[in-house]
C-alpha cells in the first residue's frame, strides 16, 4: 500500500475510535463518515468540540428538525471542523430555508444539501446556485417522479456549482441515464446517481460510462467490489481522474483486506460491500490529493474544494439509502 494511503487509512480508523466516544449510540456507518470528513480535512477528531457542537445544534434545532435526524452526527462533525461552529450552522440553516421554500415535507437530505451548497459555493453565487438547483431538481422530478428525491439535491447542486446551467445539467444527466439503462444491467436509481457524477466529467459519454462499469467489473473480478446497488456509484467518481485501472483495483483490494482486520469492518462490522465502499473512497481521495482541479477530464469550472467534496456527498447519499433501507426492514 502506498505510504500516503496507509497514513490515510490509519488516520481514518484512529478518528473512528475517537468518534465512537462522542456517538456511543450512533450508526457505525455515520461514525465512519464523520471520521472520513476529519481525515480529509487533515484534522484529528475532537470529542469535546463535537459535544459542544451537539449542544449548539440542540439549542437551534428542535428534536424533529431535519438537522437532528439520521445524519445529525454528520452535521455536528461539519460544525466541529468549521472555524466558528455557531456561525456555520446559522449560515447553513439560512441556505436550508432558501432550499425549503414553501415545502411541507422535507428530509435530512435537504439539510445535507444545504451544507453541500454552503461549504462549496462562493457567497455571491449562493442565491443563483439555490435557484438553479431547485429548477433542475423540479425538471428531473417531472421526468422521473418516482426516482428523483431529496437525496439527489446535493449532486444536482454540485453540477450547478461545476458551472453547468440548468439545461446542461438536466440534459446531460438524462442522456447518460438513458444510455446506461439501455446498454447496461443497472437499477434506475443507481443509474440516475451515477449519471450526475459522470456529468461532472468532460470525457465523451460512452467513454466515461465504459470506464465506470469496467472499473466496477474489474474490482468484482478481483473479489473486492461493492454490491451492485447505490454503493457502486463510487466507481463513477473515478471517471474524472487519470489512473491506472490495474493499479487502482489492486490498491482497493489491498486496502479492503487491511480494513477487514480493523474494528467495525470485520464480520460484525458494516459488512463487506460497505467496507469496499470505504476502500474505494479512500483510494479515490488518495488519488485526488495533489491533483489540479483543471486535470484533463474534469470540468474546468470545478474547484478543488468541490472535487474533494464529491466523495463525502456520495457517501452521505449511499449511506443514508442503506441506513433507511435497513431501518425499514427491521421495523417489519
Protein backbone atom coordinates (compact mmCIF):
# COMPACT_ATOMS: atom_id res chain seq x y z
CA UNK A 1 0.00 0.00 0.00
CA UNK A 2 1.30 3.47 -0.86
CA UNK A 3 2.62 5.34 2.22
CA UNK A 4 0.14 8.18 1.65
CA UNK A 5 -2.80 5.78 1.54
CA UNK A 6 -1.52 3.82 4.54
CA UNK A 7 -1.34 7.06 6.51
CA UNK A 8 -4.86 8.00 5.39
CA UNK A 9 -6.26 4.60 6.35
CA UNK A 10 -4.60 4.68 9.77
CA UNK A 11 -5.88 8.22 10.39
CA UNK A 12 -9.35 7.02 9.41
CA UNK A 13 -9.51 4.19 11.94
CA UNK A 14 -7.95 6.39 14.64
CA UNK A 15 -10.59 9.07 14.07
CA UNK A 16 -13.30 6.41 14.15
CA UNK A 17 -12.06 5.23 17.57
CA UNK A 18 -12.26 8.79 18.88
CA UNK A 19 -15.69 9.49 17.40
CA UNK A 20 -17.25 6.37 18.90
CA UNK A 21 -16.82 8.09 22.27
CA UNK A 22 -18.88 11.03 21.01
CA UNK A 23 -21.59 8.91 19.38
CA UNK A 24 -21.96 5.81 21.52
CA UNK A 25 -25.42 5.01 20.17
CA UNK A 26 -24.81 6.22 16.61
CA UNK A 27 -24.78 4.22 13.40
CA UNK A 28 -21.31 2.80 12.79
CA UNK A 29 -21.63 3.89 9.16
CA UNK A 30 -22.21 7.51 10.16
CA UNK A 31 -19.32 7.42 12.62
CA UNK A 32 -17.08 6.24 9.79
CA UNK A 33 -18.34 9.03 7.56
CA UNK A 34 -17.60 11.59 10.28
CA UNK A 35 -14.12 10.13 10.64
CA UNK A 36 -13.62 10.37 6.88
CA UNK A 37 -14.55 14.06 6.95
CA UNK A 38 -11.98 14.69 9.69
CA UNK A 39 -9.35 12.68 7.84
CA UNK A 40 -9.99 14.51 4.55
CA UNK A 41 -9.65 17.82 6.40
CA UNK A 42 -6.32 16.67 7.82
CA UNK A 43 -7.58 17.00 11.38
CA UNK A 44 -7.85 14.71 14.37
CA UNK A 45 -11.37 14.15 15.67
CA UNK A 46 -12.09 16.19 18.80
CA UNK A 47 -14.75 14.68 21.07
CA UNK A 48 -15.01 17.77 23.26
CA UNK A 49 -15.56 20.05 20.30
CA UNK A 50 -18.17 17.75 18.78
CA UNK A 51 -20.05 17.60 22.08
CA UNK A 52 -20.02 21.40 22.19
CA UNK A 53 -21.42 21.41 18.66
CA UNK A 54 -24.12 18.95 19.74
CA UNK A 55 -25.24 21.42 22.43
CA UNK A 56 -25.22 24.29 19.95
CA UNK A 57 -27.26 22.31 17.45
CA UNK A 58 -29.82 21.30 20.07
CA UNK A 59 -30.26 24.95 21.01
CA UNK A 60 -31.03 25.87 17.41
CA UNK A 61 -32.91 22.87 16.03
CA UNK A 62 -35.84 21.02 17.57
CA UNK A 63 -35.96 17.26 18.04
CA UNK A 64 -37.81 16.75 14.76
CA UNK A 65 -35.63 19.07 12.71
CA UNK A 66 -34.01 17.70 9.55
CA UNK A 67 -30.70 18.60 11.20
CA UNK A 68 -31.45 16.23 14.10
CA UNK A 69 -32.27 13.04 12.18
CA UNK A 70 -30.24 10.18 10.71
CA UNK A 71 -27.24 12.32 9.81
CA UNK A 72 -27.22 14.57 12.89
CA UNK A 73 -23.71 13.39 13.76
CA UNK A 74 -22.51 14.42 10.30
CA UNK A 75 -23.85 17.92 10.92
CA UNK A 76 -22.09 18.06 14.29
CA UNK A 77 -18.84 16.94 12.68
CA UNK A 78 -19.11 19.56 9.96
CA UNK A 79 -19.72 22.17 12.64
CA UNK A 80 -16.68 20.95 14.60
CA UNK A 81 -14.49 21.30 11.52
CA UNK A 82 -15.65 24.88 10.95
CA UNK A 83 -13.81 27.80 12.47
CA UNK A 84 -16.94 29.13 14.18
CA UNK A 85 -19.48 26.29 14.68
CA UNK A 86 -22.36 28.55 15.66
CA UNK A 87 -21.89 30.91 12.73
CA UNK A 88 -21.53 27.89 10.46
CA UNK A 89 -24.82 26.26 11.43
CA UNK A 90 -26.64 29.59 11.30
CA UNK A 91 -25.43 30.11 7.74
CA UNK A 92 -26.29 26.53 6.72
CA UNK A 93 -29.78 26.88 8.16
CA UNK A 94 -30.17 30.04 6.11
CA UNK A 95 -29.40 28.05 2.95
CA UNK A 96 -31.80 25.34 4.13
CA UNK A 97 -34.65 27.86 4.38
CA UNK A 98 -33.96 29.00 0.82
CA UNK A 99 -33.97 25.40 -0.44
CA UNK A 100 -37.03 24.50 1.58
CA UNK A 101 -39.15 27.38 0.32
CA UNK A 102 -42.82 26.58 0.86
CA UNK A 103 -42.38 22.82 1.01
CA UNK A 104 -44.27 20.96 3.72
CA UNK A 105 -42.43 17.65 3.50
CA UNK A 106 -38.67 17.80 3.96
CA UNK A 107 -35.86 15.39 4.84
CA UNK A 108 -32.38 15.03 6.27
CA UNK A 109 -31.00 15.08 2.74
CA UNK A 110 -32.40 18.60 2.27
CA UNK A 111 -30.31 19.60 5.29
CA UNK A 112 -27.29 17.82 3.82
CA UNK A 113 -27.74 19.62 0.51
CA UNK A 114 -27.68 22.88 2.46
CA UNK A 115 -24.28 22.00 3.90
CA UNK A 116 -23.02 20.97 0.45
CA UNK A 117 -24.00 24.31 -1.07
CA UNK A 118 -22.73 26.41 1.81
CA UNK A 119 -19.43 24.53 2.02
CA UNK A 120 -18.65 24.88 -1.68
CA UNK A 121 -20.42 27.95 -3.04
CA UNK A 122 -18.98 31.49 -3.13
CA UNK A 123 -21.33 33.79 -1.19
CA UNK A 124 -22.05 35.91 -4.26
CA UNK A 125 -23.38 32.85 -6.14
CA UNK A 126 -25.50 31.45 -3.32
CA UNK A 127 -28.93 32.59 -4.49
CA UNK A 128 -28.12 31.66 -8.09
CA UNK A 129 -26.99 28.15 -7.14
CA UNK A 130 -30.00 27.55 -4.90
CA UNK A 131 -32.45 28.73 -7.57
CA UNK A 132 -30.80 26.76 -10.36
CA UNK A 133 -30.58 23.65 -8.16
CA UNK A 134 -34.29 23.86 -7.40
CA UNK A 135 -35.17 24.40 -11.06
CA UNK A 136 -33.04 21.47 -12.22
CA UNK A 137 -34.49 19.31 -9.44
CA UNK A 138 -38.05 20.20 -10.48
CA UNK A 139 -37.34 19.26 -14.09
CA UNK A 140 -35.72 15.96 -13.15
CA UNK A 141 -38.61 15.27 -10.79
CA UNK A 142 -41.03 15.86 -13.64
CA UNK A 143 -39.12 13.42 -15.85
CA UNK A 144 -38.66 10.76 -13.16
CA UNK A 145 -41.18 11.41 -10.41
CA UNK A 146 -40.54 8.18 -8.51
CA UNK A 147 -36.74 8.23 -8.89
CA UNK A 148 -35.87 11.81 -8.06
CA UNK A 149 -35.89 12.74 -4.39
CA UNK A 150 -34.05 14.93 -1.90
CA UNK A 151 -31.03 12.61 -1.99
CA UNK A 152 -30.34 14.00 -5.47
CA UNK A 153 -30.21 17.64 -4.36
CA UNK A 154 -26.53 17.60 -3.35
CA UNK A 155 -25.46 16.09 -6.65
CA UNK A 156 -27.62 18.50 -8.64
CA UNK A 157 -26.10 21.39 -6.71
CA UNK A 158 -22.64 20.03 -7.44
CA UNK A 159 -23.38 20.02 -11.18
CA UNK A 160 -24.57 23.62 -10.97
CA UNK A 161 -21.54 24.70 -8.93
CA UNK A 162 -19.34 22.97 -11.51
CA UNK A 163 -20.52 25.59 -13.99
CA UNK A 164 -23.36 23.81 -15.76
CA UNK A 165 -26.55 25.74 -16.45
CA UNK A 166 -29.91 24.17 -15.73
CA UNK A 167 -30.42 22.92 -19.30
CA UNK A 168 -26.91 21.48 -19.46
CA UNK A 169 -27.19 19.71 -16.11
CA UNK A 170 -30.60 18.20 -16.80
CA UNK A 171 -29.95 17.23 -20.42
CA UNK A 172 -26.58 15.57 -19.78
CA UNK A 173 -27.77 13.70 -16.69
CA UNK A 174 -30.81 12.44 -18.62
CA UNK A 175 -28.75 11.40 -21.65
CA UNK A 176 -26.26 9.47 -19.51
CA UNK A 177 -29.13 7.88 -17.56
CA UNK A 178 -30.89 6.68 -20.70
CA UNK A 179 -27.66 5.30 -22.20
CA UNK A 180 -26.86 3.30 -19.07
CA UNK A 181 -30.40 1.98 -18.77
CA UNK A 182 -30.40 0.89 -22.42
CA UNK A 183 -26.96 -0.72 -22.56
CA UNK A 184 -26.20 -1.98 -19.05
CA UNK A 185 -27.98 -4.02 -16.42
CA UNK A 186 -28.32 -1.40 -13.72
CA UNK A 187 -31.07 -0.25 -11.38
CA UNK A 188 -32.74 3.02 -12.31
CA UNK A 189 -31.89 4.76 -9.02
CA UNK A 190 -28.24 3.74 -9.37
CA UNK A 191 -28.16 4.93 -12.99
CA UNK A 192 -29.55 8.34 -12.03
CA UNK A 193 -26.99 8.93 -9.28
CA UNK A 194 -24.15 7.66 -11.47
CA UNK A 195 -25.30 9.92 -14.31
CA UNK A 196 -24.99 13.01 -12.10
CA UNK A 197 -21.47 12.00 -11.07
CA UNK A 198 -20.43 11.26 -14.65
CA UNK A 199 -21.86 14.60 -15.79
CA UNK A 200 -19.00 16.29 -13.90
CA UNK A 201 -16.50 14.70 -16.28
CA UNK A 202 -15.82 16.18 -19.74
CA UNK A 203 -14.92 12.90 -21.43
CA UNK A 204 -17.20 11.55 -24.20
CA UNK A 205 -20.32 9.92 -22.76
CA UNK A 206 -19.60 6.38 -23.96
CA UNK A 207 -16.03 6.55 -22.69
CA UNK A 208 -16.85 7.65 -19.16
CA UNK A 209 -19.74 5.22 -18.88
CA UNK A 210 -17.47 2.39 -20.04
CA UNK A 211 -14.77 3.43 -17.53
CA UNK A 212 -17.34 3.35 -14.73
CA UNK A 213 -18.57 -0.16 -15.49
CA UNK A 214 -15.14 -1.51 -16.43
CA UNK A 215 -13.69 -0.42 -13.09
CA UNK A 216 -16.58 -1.96 -11.20
CA UNK A 217 -16.27 -5.23 -13.13
CA UNK A 218 -12.51 -5.34 -12.59
CA UNK A 219 -13.00 -4.91 -8.84
CA UNK A 220 -15.71 -7.57 -8.89
CA UNK A 221 -13.47 -10.00 -10.78
CA UNK A 222 -10.79 -9.39 -8.14
CA UNK A 223 -13.30 -10.08 -5.36
CA UNK A 224 -13.26 -6.56 -3.92
CA UNK A 225 -16.33 -4.82 -5.37
CA UNK A 226 -19.34 -3.38 -3.57
CA UNK A 227 -22.81 -4.74 -4.11
CA UNK A 228 -24.48 -3.69 -7.36
CA UNK A 229 -26.63 -1.09 -5.61
CA UNK A 230 -26.09 2.61 -4.91
CA UNK A 231 -22.73 1.72 -3.39
CA UNK A 232 -21.34 1.11 -6.88
CA UNK A 233 -21.82 4.78 -7.78
CA UNK A 234 -18.46 5.42 -6.09
CA UNK A 235 -16.73 3.88 -9.15
CA UNK A 236 -18.30 6.55 -11.38
CA UNK A 237 -16.33 9.18 -9.46
CA UNK A 238 -13.07 7.73 -10.82
CA UNK A 239 -14.07 8.67 -14.39
CA UNK A 240 -12.91 12.24 -13.86
CA UNK A 241 -9.42 11.18 -12.76
CA UNK A 242 -6.36 9.90 -14.56
CA UNK A 243 -5.43 6.50 -13.14
CA UNK A 244 -4.11 3.06 -13.99
CA UNK A 245 -7.04 0.67 -13.62
CA UNK A 246 -5.00 -2.39 -12.67
CA UNK A 247 -3.15 -0.39 -10.02
CA UNK A 248 -6.38 1.06 -8.60
CA UNK A 249 -8.04 -2.35 -8.45
CA UNK A 250 -5.03 -3.81 -6.67
CA UNK A 251 -4.94 -0.88 -4.24
CA UNK A 252 -8.65 -1.17 -3.42
CA UNK A 253 -8.18 -4.90 -2.83
CA UNK A 254 -5.18 -4.37 -0.58
CA UNK A 255 -6.99 -1.74 1.45
CA UNK A 256 -10.10 -3.92 1.64
CA UNK A 257 -8.03 -6.72 3.16
CA UNK A 258 -6.36 -4.31 5.60
CA UNK A 259 -9.68 -2.81 6.71
CA UNK A 260 -11.09 -6.29 7.32
CA UNK A 261 -8.80 -6.52 10.34
CA UNK A 262 -9.87 -3.16 11.80
CA UNK A 263 -12.69 -2.57 14.28
CA UNK A 264 -16.07 -2.09 12.67
CA UNK A 265 -15.06 -3.52 9.29
CA UNK A 266 -14.88 -7.25 10.00
CA UNK A 267 -17.50 -9.97 10.41
CA UNK A 268 -19.54 -7.99 12.96
CA UNK A 269 -18.92 -4.60 11.33
CA UNK A 270 -20.51 -2.75 8.45
CA UNK A 271 -20.28 -5.67 6.03
CA UNK A 272 -18.18 -6.49 3.00
CA UNK A 273 -19.93 -4.23 0.49
CA UNK A 274 -19.71 -1.16 2.69
CA UNK A 275 -16.12 -1.93 3.66
CA UNK A 276 -15.25 -1.97 -0.04
CA UNK A 277 -17.13 1.27 -0.46
CA UNK A 278 -14.83 2.86 2.10
CA UNK A 279 -11.80 1.22 0.49
CA UNK A 280 -12.72 2.67 -2.90
CA UNK A 281 -13.49 6.07 -1.38
CA UNK A 282 -10.16 6.29 0.44
CA UNK A 283 -8.32 5.18 -2.70
CA UNK A 284 -10.06 7.89 -4.72
CA UNK A 285 -9.27 10.52 -2.11
CA UNK A 286 -5.62 9.47 -2.18
CA UNK A 287 -5.58 9.83 -5.97
CA UNK A 288 -7.15 13.28 -5.72
CA UNK A 289 -4.62 14.68 -3.27
CA UNK A 290 -2.16 16.88 -5.09
CA UNK A 291 -4.02 16.77 -8.40
CA UNK A 292 -5.08 20.05 -10.01
CA UNK A 293 -8.75 20.89 -10.36
CA UNK A 294 -8.13 21.51 -14.06
CA UNK A 295 -6.81 17.97 -14.60
CA UNK A 296 -7.76 16.60 -18.01
CA UNK A 297 -11.17 15.01 -17.95
CA UNK A 298 -12.62 17.15 -15.17
CA UNK A 299 -14.81 20.15 -15.89
CA UNK A 300 -12.60 23.24 -15.73
CA UNK A 301 -15.10 25.12 -13.60
CA UNK A 302 -14.91 22.53 -10.82
CA UNK A 303 -12.88 23.94 -7.96
CA UNK A 304 -10.56 21.66 -5.99
CA UNK A 305 -12.81 22.07 -2.96
CA UNK A 306 -15.81 20.77 -4.94
CA UNK A 307 -13.79 17.85 -6.30
CA UNK A 308 -12.74 16.87 -2.77
CA UNK A 309 -16.34 17.15 -1.56
CA UNK A 310 -17.60 14.67 -4.14
CA UNK A 311 -16.70 11.55 -2.18
CA UNK A 312 -18.31 12.84 1.02
CA UNK A 313 -21.50 13.72 -0.88
CA UNK A 314 -21.62 10.26 -2.42
CA UNK A 315 -21.01 8.63 0.94
CA UNK A 316 -23.87 10.61 2.52
CA UNK A 317 -26.26 9.60 -0.26
CA UNK A 318 -25.21 5.95 -0.27
CA UNK A 319 -25.08 5.51 3.50
CA UNK A 320 -28.41 7.26 4.03
CA UNK A 321 -30.00 4.97 1.46
CA UNK A 322 -28.55 1.89 3.16
CA UNK A 323 -29.42 3.03 6.71
CA UNK A 324 -33.01 3.90 5.79
CA UNK A 325 -33.44 0.55 3.98
CA UNK A 326 -32.04 -1.33 6.97
CA UNK A 327 -34.25 0.55 9.41
CA UNK A 328 -37.34 -0.10 7.28
CA UNK A 329 -36.55 -3.81 7.03
CA UNK A 330 -36.04 -4.15 10.79
CA UNK A 331 -39.37 -2.47 11.53
CA UNK A 332 -41.34 -5.26 9.81
